[in-house]
Structures are given as C-alpha cells and as structure tokens.
Amino acid sequence: MGGRNLERTFTTVFAGYAIGGLISPTVGGWLAEATTMRTVYFVAAAVFALSTLIALWVSPQPVSPRVKQGPRWGARPSAG
C-alpha cells in the first residue's frame, strides 16, 4: 500500500528531472538569443523560487502508526 505511493513519487520526481533536462537547454538557448544571458539567470532564479514555495506549501501527509503483527498463519519461519 505505501510502496505504491513511493513508486509513484519516485517516478514523478525522476520524470520531472528528465523533462527539465531535455527542455531547459532549448528554452535557455532561445531566451539567451532573444534577450541576454542575464535574463536567463533571472528566469531560472524565478522558477527556482516558485518551485521552492510550492515545495514548502505542500505539506507531508501524517503517517499513521502501524501495529506490529506476528507471523501469518501457515507462514514458514525464516532460516537464519
């Protein structure tokens, strides 16, 4: 149950890195040709600040404590 959310989270994060790595050089190059390199850095700083605010705004969901259970019926004891 929790593992499925973890998989989805990692997939989303790494997909964001991949998409950003593909798109940002193109957009940065176009922006540098259209304006100046200073503008590219200002836009990058604004995107960073916005993403930081979003990350701070999204609060982690509380995790309910799990009750430790014994072995299931018919489970074999592990060797070791």
Foldseek 3Di string as FASTA:
>chain_A
DVVVVVVVVVVVVVVVVVVCVVPLVVVQVVVCVVDNNVVSVVVVVVVVVVVVVVVVVDDDDDDDDDDDDDDDPPDDDDDD
